[in-house]
PDB file of all heavy atoms in Angstrom:
ATOM      1  N   ILE A   1     -45.337  78.771  33.729  1.00  0.00           N
ATOM      2  CA  ILE A   1     -44.366  78.218  32.785  1.00  0.00           C
ATOM      3  C   ILE A   1     -42.956  78.698  33.047  1.00  0.00           C
ATOM      4  O   ILE A   1     -42.002  77.931  33.149  1.00  0.00           O
ATOM      5  CB  ILE A   1     -44.793  78.602  31.312  1.00  0.00           C
ATOM      6  CG1 ILE A   1     -46.150  78.006  30.975  1.00  0.00           C
ATOM      7  CG2 ILE A   1     -43.725  78.159  30.299  1.00  0.00           C
ATOM      8  CD1 ILE A   1     -46.841  78.716  29.842  1.00  0.00           C
ATOM      9  N   MET A   2     -42.803  80.026  33.205  1.00  0.00           N
ATOM     10  CA  MET A   2     -41.456  80.596  33.278  1.00  0.00           C
ATOM     11  C   MET A   2     -40.798  80.388  34.636  1.00  0.00           C
ATOM     12  O   MET A   2     -39.560  80.430  34.716  1.00  0.00           O
ATOM     13  CB  MET A   2     -41.535  82.098  32.974  1.00  0.00           C
ATOM     14  CG  MET A   2     -41.851  82.382  31.518  1.00  0.00           C
ATOM     15  SD  MET A   2     -41.480  84.066  31.055  1.00  0.00           S
ATOM     16  CE  MET A   2     -42.635  84.969  32.045  1.00  0.00           C
ATOM     17  N   ALA A   3     -41.556  80.145  35.666  1.00  0.00           N
ATOM     18  CA  ALA A   3     -40.963  79.981  36.997  1.00  0.00           C
ATOM     19  C   ALA A   3     -40.380  78.580  37.213  1.00  0.00           C
ATOM     20  O   ALA A   3     -39.452  78.424  37.962  1.00  0.00           O
ATOM     21  CB  ALA A   3     -42.003  80.260  38.090  1.00  0.00           C
ATOM     22  N   HIS A   4     -40.962  77.571  36.528  1.00  0.00           N
ATOM     23  CA  HIS A   4     -40.599  76.181  36.863  1.00  0.00           C
ATOM     24  C   HIS A   4     -40.037  75.322  35.730  1.00  0.00           C
ATOM     25  O   HIS A   4     -39.327  74.358  35.999  1.00  0.00           O
ATOM     26  CB  HIS A   4     -41.837  75.446  37.398  1.00  0.00           C
ATOM     27  CG  HIS A   4     -42.498  76.116  38.572  1.00  0.00           C
ATOM     28  ND1 HIS A   4     -41.801  76.532  39.674  1.00  0.00           N
ATOM     29  CD2 HIS A   4     -43.808  76.426  38.816  1.00  0.00           C
ATOM     30  CE1 HIS A   4     -42.624  77.060  40.555  1.00  0.00           C
ATOM     31  NE2 HIS A   4     -43.849  77.005  40.055  1.00  0.00           N
ATOM     32  N   SER A   5     -40.337  75.666  34.490  1.00  0.00           N
ATOM     33  CA  SER A   5     -40.066  74.721  33.398  1.00  0.00           C
ATOM     34  C   SER A   5     -38.605  74.679  33.050  1.00  0.00           C
ATOM     35  O   SER A   5     -37.801  75.502  33.454  1.00  0.00           O
ATOM     36  CB  SER A   5     -40.935  75.094  32.191  1.00  0.00           C
ATOM     37  OG  SER A   5     -42.299  75.065  32.566  1.00  0.00           O
ATOM     38  N   ASP A   6     -38.223  73.695  32.186  1.00  0.00           N
ATOM     39  CA  ASP A   6     -36.832  73.495  31.832  1.00  0.00           C
ATOM     40  C   ASP A   6     -36.716  73.140  30.359  1.00  0.00           C
ATOM     41  O   ASP A   6     -37.695  73.248  29.611  1.00  0.00           O
ATOM     42  CB  ASP A   6     -36.191  72.414  32.741  1.00  0.00           C
ATOM     43  CG  ASP A   6     -36.892  71.043  32.622  1.00  0.00           C
ATOM     44  OD1 ASP A   6     -37.492  70.772  31.563  1.00  0.00           O
ATOM     45  OD2 ASP A   6     -36.827  70.272  33.588  1.00  0.00           O
ATOM     46  N   ASN A   7     -35.540  72.709  29.954  1.00  0.00           N
ATOM     47  CA  ASN A   7     -35.329  72.435  28.530  1.00  0.00           C
ATOM     48  C   ASN A   7     -36.035  71.183  28.025  1.00  0.00           C
ATOM     49  O   ASN A   7     -36.088  70.953  26.805  1.00  0.00           O
ATOM     50  CB  ASN A   7     -33.821  72.352  28.234  1.00  0.00           C
ATOM     51  CG  ASN A   7     -33.153  73.724  28.256  1.00  0.00           C
ATOM     52  OD1 ASN A   7     -33.785  74.722  27.966  1.00  0.00           O
ATOM     53  ND2 ASN A   7     -31.899  73.756  28.635  1.00  0.00           N
ATOM     54  N   ASN A   8     -36.542  70.376  28.928  1.00  0.00           N
ATOM     55  CA  ASN A   8     -37.323  69.204  28.526  1.00  0.00           C
ATOM     56  C   ASN A   8     -38.804  69.533  28.375  1.00  0.00           C
ATOM     57  O   ASN A   8     -39.560  68.704  27.871  1.00  0.00           O
ATOM     58  CB  ASN A   8     -37.154  68.069  29.513  1.00  0.00           C
ATOM     59  CG  ASN A   8     -35.736  67.525  29.543  1.00  0.00           C
ATOM     60  OD1 ASN A   8     -35.167  67.294  28.504  1.00  0.00           O
ATOM     61  ND2 ASN A   8     -35.189  67.359  30.721  1.00  0.00           N
ATOM     62  N   GLY A   9     -39.203  70.723  28.851  1.00  0.00           N
ATOM     63  CA  GLY A   9     -40.611  71.101  28.721  1.00  0.00           C
ATOM     64  C   GLY A   9     -41.166  71.688  30.005  1.00  0.00           C
ATOM     65  O   GLY A   9     -40.446  72.222  30.837  1.00  0.00           O
ATOM     66  N   LEU A  10     -42.477  71.563  30.155  1.00  0.00           N
ATOM     67  CA  LEU A  10     -43.179  72.096  31.325  1.00  0.00           C
ATOM     68  C   LEU A  10     -42.794  71.282  32.575  1.00  0.00           C
ATOM     69  O   LEU A  10     -42.495  70.088  32.510  1.00  0.00           O
ATOM     70  CB  LEU A  10     -44.675  71.971  31.165  1.00  0.00           C
ATOM     71  CG  LEU A  10     -45.376  72.740  30.059  1.00  0.00           C
ATOM     72  CD1 LEU A  10     -46.841  72.369  29.989  1.00  0.00           C
ATOM     73  CD2 LEU A  10     -45.192  74.237  30.258  1.00  0.00           C
ATOM     74  N   VAL A  11     -42.781  71.989  33.708  1.00  0.00           N
ATOM     75  CA  VAL A  11     -42.746  71.319  35.007  1.00  0.00           C
ATOM     76  C   VAL A  11     -43.964  71.885  35.775  1.00  0.00           C
ATOM     77  O   VAL A  11     -43.989  73.052  36.120  1.00  0.00           O
ATOM     78  CB  VAL A  11     -41.460  71.634  35.774  1.00  0.00           C
ATOM     79  CG1 VAL A  11     -41.512  71.052  37.187  1.00  0.00           C
ATOM     80  CG2 VAL A  11     -40.246  71.118  35.043  1.00  0.00           C
ATOM     81  N   LEU A  12     -44.970  71.045  35.933  1.00  0.00           N
ATOM     82  CA  LEU A  12     -46.229  71.521  36.551  1.00  0.00           C
ATOM     83  C   LEU A  12     -46.341  71.056  38.002  1.00  0.00           C
ATOM     84  O   LEU A  12     -46.108  69.880  38.301  1.00  0.00           O
ATOM     85  CB  LEU A  12     -47.417  70.993  35.763  1.00  0.00           C
ATOM     86  CG  LEU A  12     -47.598  71.471  34.338  1.00  0.00           C
ATOM     87  CD1 LEU A  12     -48.793  70.805  33.684  1.00  0.00           C
ATOM     88  CD2 LEU A  12     -47.726  72.993  34.284  1.00  0.00           C
ATOM     89  N   PRO A  13     -46.721  71.945  38.898  1.00  0.00           N
ATOM     90  CA  PRO A  13     -47.037  71.526  40.254  1.00  0.00           C
ATOM     91  C   PRO A  13     -48.208  70.546  40.202  1.00  0.00           C
ATOM     92  O   PRO A  13     -49.195  70.796  39.470  1.00  0.00           O
ATOM     93  CB  PRO A  13     -47.430  72.822  40.966  1.00  0.00           C
ATOM     94  CG  PRO A  13     -46.930  73.940  40.110  1.00  0.00           C
ATOM     95  CD  PRO A  13     -46.919  73.401  38.705  1.00  0.00           C
ATOM     96  N   PRO A  14     -48.176  69.457  40.926  1.00  0.00           N
ATOM     97  CA  PRO A  14     -49.247  68.457  40.855  1.00  0.00           C
ATOM     98  C   PRO A  14     -50.636  69.030  41.053  1.00  0.00           C
ATOM     99  O   PRO A  14     -51.591  68.550  40.423  1.00  0.00           O
ATOM    100  CB  PRO A  14     -48.891  67.482  41.974  1.00  0.00           C
ATOM    101  CG  PRO A  14     -47.385  67.565  42.056  1.00  0.00           C
ATOM    102  CD  PRO A  14     -47.052  68.982  41.783  1.00  0.00           C
ATOM    103  N   LYS A  15     -50.783  70.048  41.912  1.00  0.00           N
ATOM    104  CA  LYS A  15     -52.117  70.579  42.156  1.00  0.00           C
ATOM    105  C   LYS A  15     -52.752  71.218  40.946  1.00  0.00           C
ATOM    106  O   LYS A  15     -53.981  71.384  40.890  1.00  0.00           O
ATOM    107  CB  LYS A  15     -52.052  71.617  43.307  1.00  0.00           C
ATOM    108  CG  LYS A  15     -51.860  71.021  44.686  1.00  0.00           C
ATOM    109  CD  LYS A  15     -51.973  72.071  45.773  1.00  0.00           C
ATOM    110  CE  LYS A  15     -51.861  71.487  47.150  1.00  0.00           C
ATOM    111  NZ  LYS A  15     -52.020  72.524  48.207  1.00  0.00           N
ATOM    112  N   LEU A  16     -51.950  71.612  39.942  1.00  0.00           N
ATOM    113  CA  LEU A  16     -52.488  72.257  38.771  1.00  0.00           C
ATOM    114  C   LEU A  16     -52.293  71.417  37.502  1.00  0.00           C
ATOM    115  O   LEU A  16     -52.653  71.885  36.400  1.00  0.00           O
ATOM    116  CB  LEU A  16     -51.832  73.637  38.563  1.00  0.00           C
ATOM    117  CG  LEU A  16     -52.165  74.680  39.646  1.00  0.00           C
ATOM    118  CD1 LEU A  16     -51.413  75.985  39.354  1.00  0.00           C
ATOM    119  CD2 LEU A  16     -53.643  74.930  39.768  1.00  0.00           C
ATOM    120  N   ALA A  17     -51.755  70.227  37.622  1.00  0.00           N
ATOM    121  CA  ALA A  17     -51.515  69.401  36.454  1.00  0.00           C
ATOM    122  C   ALA A  17     -52.814  68.743  35.991  1.00  0.00           C
ATOM    123  O   ALA A  17     -53.454  68.061  36.775  1.00  0.00           O
ATOM    124  CB  ALA A  17     -50.479  68.344  36.762  1.00  0.00           C
ATOM    125  N   PRO A  18     -53.215  68.891  34.714  1.00  0.00           N
ATOM    126  CA  PRO A  18     -54.410  68.208  34.214  1.00  0.00           C
ATOM    127  C   PRO A  18     -54.304  66.710  34.328  1.00  0.00           C
ATOM    128  O   PRO A  18     -55.300  66.016  34.606  1.00  0.00           O
ATOM    129  CB  PRO A  18     -54.493  68.673  32.763  1.00  0.00           C
ATOM    130  CG  PRO A  18     -53.742  69.949  32.709  1.00  0.00           C
ATOM    131  CD  PRO A  18     -52.636  69.789  33.686  1.00  0.00           C
ATOM    132  N   ILE A  19     -53.106  66.155  34.011  1.00  0.00           N
ATOM    133  CA  ILE A  19     -52.836  64.739  34.208  1.00  0.00           C
ATOM    134  C   ILE A  19     -51.736  64.662  35.266  1.00  0.00           C
ATOM    135  O   ILE A  19     -50.634  65.162  35.072  1.00  0.00           O
ATOM    136  CB  ILE A  19     -52.329  64.090  32.901  1.00  0.00           C
ATOM    137  CG1 ILE A  19     -53.296  64.319  31.752  1.00  0.00           C
ATOM    138  CG2 ILE A  19     -52.055  62.613  33.108  1.00  0.00           C
ATOM    139  CD1 ILE A  19     -52.658  64.023  30.368  1.00  0.00           C
ATOM    140  N   GLN A  20     -52.065  64.027  36.397  1.00  0.00           N
ATOM    141  CA  GLN A  20     -51.051  63.940  37.470  1.00  0.00           C
ATOM    142  C   GLN A  20     -50.187  62.698  37.320  1.00  0.00           C
ATOM    143  O   GLN A  20     -49.031  62.703  37.697  1.00  0.00           O
ATOM    144  CB  GLN A  20     -51.760  63.941  38.831  1.00  0.00           C
ATOM    145  CG  GLN A  20     -52.419  65.291  39.132  1.00  0.00           C
ATOM    146  CD  GLN A  20     -53.269  65.232  40.393  1.00  0.00           C
ATOM    147  OE1 GLN A  20     -54.076  64.318  40.532  1.00  0.00           O
ATOM    148  NE2 GLN A  20     -53.066  66.191  41.268  1.00  0.00           N
ATOM    149  N   VAL A  21     -50.770  61.613  36.771  1.00  0.00           N
ATOM    150  CA  VAL A  21     -50.031  60.392  36.570  1.00  0.00           C
ATOM    151  C   VAL A  21     -50.363  59.817  35.197  1.00  0.00           C
ATOM    152  O   VAL A  21     -51.514  59.710  34.858  1.00  0.00           O
ATOM    153  CB  VAL A  21     -50.407  59.309  37.650  1.00  0.00           C
ATOM    154  CG1 VAL A  21     -49.486  58.076  37.519  1.00  0.00           C
ATOM    155  CG2 VAL A  21     -50.350  59.851  39.053  1.00  0.00           C
ATOM    156  N   VAL A  22     -49.320  59.493  34.443  1.00  0.00           N
ATOM    157  CA  VAL A  22     -49.540  58.784  33.173  1.00  0.00           C
ATOM    158  C   VAL A  22     -48.944  57.395  33.265  1.00  0.00           C
ATOM    159  O   VAL A  22     -47.869  57.191  33.831  1.00  0.00           O
ATOM    160  CB  VAL A  22     -48.938  59.570  31.979  1.00  0.00           C
ATOM    161  CG1 VAL A  22     -47.428  59.677  32.076  1.00  0.00           C
ATOM    162  CG2 VAL A  22     -49.357  58.932  30.667  1.00  0.00           C
ATOM    163  N   LEU A  23     -49.686  56.402  32.772  1.00  0.00           N
ATOM    164  CA  LEU A  23     -49.230  55.003  32.791  1.00  0.00           C
ATOM    165  C   LEU A  23     -49.001  54.557  31.353  1.00  0.00           C
ATOM    166  O   LEU A  23     -49.887  54.708  30.512  1.00  0.00           O
ATOM    167  CB  LEU A  23     -50.267  54.110  33.446  1.00  0.00           C
ATOM    168  CG  LEU A  23     -50.529  54.385  34.929  1.00  0.00           C
ATOM    169  CD1 LEU A  23     -51.703  55.300  35.113  1.00  0.00           C
ATOM    170  CD2 LEU A  23     -50.768  53.077  35.682  1.00  0.00           C
ATOM    171  N   ILE A  24     -47.835  53.961  31.104  1.00  0.00           N
ATOM    172  CA  ILE A  24     -47.463  53.603  29.733  1.00  0.00           C
ATOM    173  C   ILE A  24     -47.071  52.116  29.704  1.00  0.00           C
ATOM    174  O   ILE A  24     -46.146  51.706  30.421  1.00  0.00           O
ATOM    175  CB  ILE A  24     -46.296  54.462  29.252  1.00  0.00           C
ATOM    176  CG1 ILE A  24     -46.706  55.936  29.211  1.00  0.00           C
ATOM    177  CG2 ILE A  24     -45.790  53.985  27.869  1.00  0.00           C
ATOM    178  CD1 ILE A  24     -45.607  56.912  28.929  1.00  0.00           C
ATOM    179  N   PRO A  25     -47.785  51.320  28.915  1.00  0.00           N
ATOM    180  CA  PRO A  25     -47.418  49.917  28.764  1.00  0.00           C
ATOM    181  C   PRO A  25     -46.237  49.759  27.758  1.00  0.00           C
ATOM    182  O   PRO A  25     -46.193  50.453  26.744  1.00  0.00           O
ATOM    183  CB  PRO A  25     -48.689  49.272  28.188  1.00  0.00           C
ATOM    184  CG  PRO A  25     -49.372  50.380  27.471  1.00  0.00           C
ATOM    185  CD  PRO A  25     -49.017  51.660  28.169  1.00  0.00           C
ATOM    186  N   ILE A  26     -45.298  48.867  28.071  1.00  0.00           N
ATOM    187  CA  ILE A  26     -44.198  48.561  27.155  1.00  0.00           C
ATOM    188  C   ILE A  26     -44.349  47.105  26.788  1.00  0.00           C
ATOM    189  O   ILE A  26     -44.335  46.219  27.660  1.00  0.00           O
ATOM    190  CB  ILE A  26     -42.813  48.824  27.810  1.00  0.00           C
ATOM    191  CG1 ILE A  26     -42.746  50.312  28.237  1.00  0.00           C
ATOM    192  CG2 ILE A  26     -41.704  48.474  26.883  1.00  0.00           C
ATOM    193  CD1 ILE A  26     -41.553  50.685  29.095  1.00  0.00           C
ATOM    194  N   TYR A  27     -44.491  46.848  25.494  1.00  0.00           N
ATOM    195  CA  TYR A  27     -44.934  45.485  25.117  1.00  0.00           C
ATOM    196  C   TYR A  27     -44.468  45.126  23.712  1.00  0.00           C
ATOM    197  O   TYR A  27     -44.044  46.003  22.932  1.00  0.00           O
ATOM    198  CB  TYR A  27     -46.468  45.421  25.141  1.00  0.00           C
ATOM    199  CG  TYR A  27     -47.103  46.406  24.186  1.00  0.00           C
ATOM    200  CD1 TYR A  27     -47.440  46.020  22.878  1.00  0.00           C
ATOM    201  CD2 TYR A  27     -47.329  47.723  24.563  1.00  0.00           C
ATOM    202  CE1 TYR A  27     -48.001  46.910  22.007  1.00  0.00           C
ATOM    203  CE2 TYR A  27     -47.872  48.636  23.678  1.00  0.00           C
ATOM    204  CZ  TYR A  27     -48.204  48.224  22.417  1.00  0.00           C
ATOM    205  OH  TYR A  27     -48.751  49.126  21.523  1.00  0.00           O
ATOM    206  N   LYS A  28     -44.585  43.813  23.426  1.00  0.00           N
ATOM    207  CA  LYS A  28     -44.399  43.319  22.048  1.00  0.00           C
ATOM    208  C   LYS A  28     -45.604  42.435  21.803  1.00  0.00           C
ATOM    209  O   LYS A  28     -45.787  41.421  22.464  1.00  0.00           O
ATOM    210  CB  LYS A  28     -43.108  42.523  21.934  1.00  0.00           C
ATOM    211  CG  LYS A  28     -41.856  43.365  21.973  1.00  0.00           C
ATOM    212  CD  LYS A  28     -40.624  42.497  21.816  1.00  0.00           C
ATOM    213  CE  LYS A  28     -39.346  43.321  21.886  1.00  0.00           C
ATOM    214  NZ  LYS A  28     -38.130  42.453  21.864  1.00  0.00           N
ATOM    215  N   GLY A  29     -46.431  42.796  20.850  1.00  0.00           N
ATOM    216  CA  GLY A  29     -47.560  41.988  20.464  1.00  0.00           C
ATOM    217  C   GLY A  29     -48.800  42.271  21.271  1.00  0.00           C
ATOM    218  O   GLY A  29     -48.762  42.842  22.390  1.00  0.00           O
TER     219      GLY A  29
END
């Protein structure tokens, strides 16, 4: 946490990230 993170939150190395990619739909209806 303390070596990499910033004011927006955690910065996780991909090898240790529980979720490596999140997909978000943007829609109406």
